[in-house]
Amino acid sequence: MDLTKKAPVLTNKEYFVRKLTKGILSGEWNPGDRLPSERELAAEMGIGKTVVHSGFEQLAAMGLVEIKPKSGVFVADYMKTGNIETLNAIVHLNGNELSREVTVAILDLRLAIEGMAFRALCLCRSAEDLVHLRAMTAAIRDCAHRSGEKELAERFFLWHRQICILSGRSILTLFMNTTHDVSIAFWVNYLRIYGTSFAIDRLERFIERIEARDGEGACNLLATGITDYLARLKE
């Protein structure tokens, strides 16, 4: 491990967005509050007004603020009007740790998305699909001992996303992509609980069901795994 590696330097815009995100999500500003003007924030942080303006636009895209022309910028009621970017911001603020509420919601979404993908793939899978999934699994096993948590989590996410890709249901892949950041946080925690060997074994069991064209069996394997994971979170 390179202990001399420096943390990445933030741009002024990244600094601005992170500072306001933390202020909003920590309750320093509440939904409906009017934020300081671009001029005030630029002077306070020592950055340009154009940076602040661009930062506000990004915060709006994240669902955290509402820009009202000629009135100002207001904190949005993000728990009602937020989007996946809002969820990602909450996860990052919490050090990539997922609350139980967020975990349950993400796993429900995953069960719906991957359940459809597994059923579709089991109907249309080819020999090449099986070869590809086995190669991805072998690559994970090969690098497991020398990879960090996030790299391994990324590989497991990509394996499961590949199920959506191979299913031919492109909309499922798009939905899966929107959950990337929170899924990585989930996989990091999953691997801490179960270990890499167990997780790889489950990939191989999924492949067995896909090879047998057993869509329901694959879905049941996914569902029982999620149920067991949630039960362990209670312990």
Foldseek 3Di string as FASTA:
>chain_A
DDPPDDDDDDDPLRVLLLVVLCCDVVPVADFFDFDDALVVVCVVSVHDSVSVVVSLVVCVVQQQWDQDPPPGIGGHPCVVRGDLSVVLSVCVSVVNADDLVRLVVVLVLLLVLLLVLLLLLLVPPDPVLLVVLVVLLVVLVVCVVPDDLLVSLLSLLVSSLVSNVNSVPVVSNVVSVSCVSNSSSVSSVVCVVPNDVVVSVLSVVSSVCSVVSNSVVNSVSSVVVSVVVSVVVVD
